[in-house]
């Protein structure tokens, strides 16, 4: 199994709107790709001093092939929607994890 992890630090001035939009719209749109089997959103509790609030959004798929399909077909448009909506109000980075056990 592959976990696609998106870590986002969101500015507190748009936090409540962002969190609601992520839960009601964005995550659901990612799941509608049909390539992920589950998702979770975590609030990061450690304070890195950057300001804002940090979240880890994780999407689980069965294989790298499914992740690559998402990345190539769906991710550009969905990431653009997020970037346009919260321009200059967030920092994000992505990591891939492989479930070992």
C-alpha atoms as a PDB file:
ATOM      1  CA  UNK A   1       0.000   0.000   0.000  1.00  0.00           C
ATOM      2  CA  UNK A   2       1.057   3.557  -0.734  1.00  0.00           C
ATOM      3  CA  UNK A   3       0.273   6.598   1.372  1.00  0.00           C
ATOM      4  CA  UNK A   4       0.255   9.943  -0.408  1.00  0.00           C
ATOM      5  CA  UNK A   5       0.870  12.495   2.335  1.00  0.00           C
ATOM      6  CA  UNK A   6       0.250  16.209   1.848  1.00  0.00           C
ATOM      7  CA  UNK A   7       1.483  18.438   4.661  1.00  0.00           C
ATOM      8  CA  UNK A   8      -0.039  21.918   4.662  1.00  0.00           C
ATOM      9  CA  UNK A   9       0.683  24.883   6.886  1.00  0.00           C
ATOM     10  CA  UNK A  10      -2.313  27.211   6.551  1.00  0.00           C
ATOM     11  CA  UNK A  11      -2.419  30.840   7.660  1.00  0.00           C
ATOM     12  CA  UNK A  12      -4.689  31.333  10.667  1.00  0.00           C
ATOM     13  CA  UNK A  13      -6.572  34.138   8.870  1.00  0.00           C
ATOM     14  CA  UNK A  14      -8.148  31.556   6.527  1.00  0.00           C
ATOM     15  CA  UNK A  15      -7.878  28.470   8.733  1.00  0.00           C
ATOM     16  CA  UNK A  16     -11.564  27.858   9.425  1.00  0.00           C
ATOM     17  CA  UNK A  17     -12.590  28.325   5.785  1.00  0.00           C
ATOM     18  CA  UNK A  18      -9.707  26.122   4.603  1.00  0.00           C
ATOM     19  CA  UNK A  19     -10.486  23.285   7.013  1.00  0.00           C
ATOM     20  CA  UNK A  20     -14.171  23.266   6.109  1.00  0.00           C
ATOM     21  CA  UNK A  21     -13.384  23.420   2.367  1.00  0.00           C
ATOM     22  CA  UNK A  22     -10.831  20.619   2.661  1.00  0.00           C
ATOM     23  CA  UNK A  23     -13.264  18.341   4.483  1.00  0.00           C
ATOM     24  CA  UNK A  24     -16.375  19.115   2.443  1.00  0.00           C
ATOM     25  CA  UNK A  25     -14.917  19.700  -1.030  1.00  0.00           C
ATOM     26  CA  UNK A  26     -11.260  19.037  -1.768  1.00  0.00           C
ATOM     27  CA  UNK A  27     -10.741  15.682  -0.069  1.00  0.00           C
ATOM     28  CA  UNK A  28     -13.997  14.444  -1.555  1.00  0.00           C
ATOM     29  CA  UNK A  29     -12.844  15.492  -5.043  1.00  0.00           C
ATOM     30  CA  UNK A  30      -9.576  13.606  -4.572  1.00  0.00           C
ATOM     31  CA  UNK A  31     -11.518  10.523  -3.493  1.00  0.00           C
ATOM     32  CA  UNK A  32     -13.810  10.823  -6.537  1.00  0.00           C
ATOM     33  CA  UNK A  33     -10.782   9.977  -8.678  1.00  0.00           C
ATOM     34  CA  UNK A  34     -11.501   6.391  -7.599  1.00  0.00           C
ATOM     35  CA  UNK A  35      -7.800   5.730  -7.042  1.00  0.00           C
ATOM     36  CA  UNK A  36      -7.645   5.982  -3.240  1.00  0.00           C
ATOM     37  CA  UNK A  37      -9.304   3.624  -0.803  1.00  0.00           C
ATOM     38  CA  UNK A  38      -9.241   5.814   2.309  1.00  0.00           C
ATOM     39  CA  UNK A  39      -8.113   9.164   3.656  1.00  0.00           C
ATOM     40  CA  UNK A  40      -7.375  10.821   6.959  1.00  0.00           C
ATOM     41  CA  UNK A  41      -6.606  14.339   8.087  1.00  0.00           C
ATOM     42  CA  UNK A  42      -4.357  14.978  11.084  1.00  0.00           C
ATOM     43  CA  UNK A  43      -3.559  18.186  12.897  1.00  0.00           C
ATOM     44  CA  UNK A  44       0.175  18.452  13.604  1.00  0.00           C
ATOM     45  CA  UNK A  45       0.613  19.225  17.292  1.00  0.00           C
ATOM     46  CA  UNK A  46       4.273  20.245  17.318  1.00  0.00           C
ATOM     47  CA  UNK A  47       4.924  23.961  16.865  1.00  0.00           C
ATOM     48  CA  UNK A  48       7.669  24.634  14.329  1.00  0.00           C
ATOM     49  CA  UNK A  49       7.512  28.386  14.931  1.00  0.00           C
ATOM     50  CA  UNK A  50       6.338  29.077  11.370  1.00  0.00           C
ATOM     51  CA  UNK A  51       2.956  30.408  12.471  1.00  0.00           C
ATOM     52  CA  UNK A  52      -0.305  29.131  11.101  1.00  0.00           C
ATOM     53  CA  UNK A  53      -1.645  25.647  11.692  1.00  0.00           C
ATOM     54  CA  UNK A  54      -0.201  22.508  10.118  1.00  0.00           C
ATOM     55  CA  UNK A  55      -2.113  19.466   8.892  1.00  0.00           C
ATOM     56  CA  UNK A  56      -1.157  16.141   7.357  1.00  0.00           C
ATOM     57  CA  UNK A  57      -3.696  14.830   4.854  1.00  0.00           C
ATOM     58  CA  UNK A  58      -3.122  11.199   3.932  1.00  0.00           C
ATOM     59  CA  UNK A  59      -4.623   9.270   1.056  1.00  0.00           C
ATOM     60  CA  UNK A  60      -4.145   5.493   0.788  1.00  0.00           C
ATOM     61  CA  UNK A  61      -3.975   3.591  -2.503  1.00  0.00           C
ATOM     62  CA  UNK A  62      -3.102   0.015  -3.336  1.00  0.00           C
ATOM     63  CA  UNK A  63      -0.164   0.616  -5.687  1.00  0.00           C
ATOM     64  CA  UNK A  64       2.294   3.096  -7.173  1.00  0.00           C
ATOM     65  CA  UNK A  65       0.473   2.703 -10.481  1.00  0.00           C
ATOM     66  CA  UNK A  66      -2.713   4.105  -8.926  1.00  0.00           C
ATOM     67  CA  UNK A  67      -0.825   6.968  -7.295  1.00  0.00           C
ATOM     68  CA  UNK A  68       0.885   7.792 -10.610  1.00  0.00           C
ATOM     69  CA  UNK A  69      -2.485   7.848 -12.368  1.00  0.00           C
ATOM     70  CA  UNK A  70      -3.757  10.306  -9.762  1.00  0.00           C
ATOM     71  CA  UNK A  71      -0.615  12.436 -10.044  1.00  0.00           C
ATOM     72  CA  UNK A  72      -0.744  12.560 -13.834  1.00  0.00           C
ATOM     73  CA  UNK A  73      -4.479  12.856 -14.468  1.00  0.00           C
ATOM     74  CA  UNK A  74      -6.149  14.489 -11.457  1.00  0.00           C
ATOM     75  CA  UNK A  75      -3.555  16.241  -9.281  1.00  0.00           C
ATOM     76  CA  UNK A  76      -2.693  19.232 -11.503  1.00  0.00           C
ATOM     77  CA  UNK A  77      -6.262  20.570 -11.652  1.00  0.00           C
ATOM     78  CA  UNK A  78      -7.060  19.841  -7.993  1.00  0.00           C
ATOM     79  CA  UNK A  79      -3.818  21.427  -6.793  1.00  0.00           C
ATOM     80  CA  UNK A  80      -4.497  24.489  -8.962  1.00  0.00           C
ATOM     81  CA  UNK A  81      -7.935  24.930  -7.365  1.00  0.00           C
ATOM     82  CA  UNK A  82      -6.351  24.831  -3.904  1.00  0.00           C
ATOM     83  CA  UNK A  83      -3.536  27.193  -4.896  1.00  0.00           C
ATOM     84  CA  UNK A  84      -5.896  29.725  -6.445  1.00  0.00           C
ATOM     85  CA  UNK A  85      -8.311  29.670  -3.522  1.00  0.00           C
ATOM     86  CA  UNK A  86      -5.609  30.084  -0.829  1.00  0.00           C
ATOM     87  CA  UNK A  87      -2.923  31.959  -2.759  1.00  0.00           C
ATOM     88  CA  UNK A  88      -0.132  33.223  -0.487  1.00  0.00           C
ATOM     89  CA  UNK A  89      -1.876  31.749   2.582  1.00  0.00           C
ATOM     90  CA  UNK A  90      -0.298  28.277   2.715  1.00  0.00           C
ATOM     91  CA  UNK A  91       2.836  26.232   2.292  1.00  0.00           C
ATOM     92  CA  UNK A  92       2.595  22.583   1.263  1.00  0.00           C
ATOM     93  CA  UNK A  93       4.870  19.658   0.579  1.00  0.00           C
ATOM     94  CA  UNK A  94       4.140  16.121  -0.484  1.00  0.00           C
ATOM     95  CA  UNK A  95       5.682  12.782   0.434  1.00  0.00           C
ATOM     96  CA  UNK A  96       5.048   9.188  -0.544  1.00  0.00           C
ATOM     97  CA  UNK A  97       5.149   6.437   2.034  1.00  0.00           C
ATOM     98  CA  UNK A  98       5.095   2.709   1.509  1.00  0.00           C
ATOM     99  CA  UNK A  99       3.439   0.546   4.129  1.00  0.00           C
ATOM    100  CA  UNK A 100       6.005  -2.016   5.260  1.00  0.00           C
ATOM    101  CA  UNK A 101       4.006  -3.859   7.906  1.00  0.00           C
END
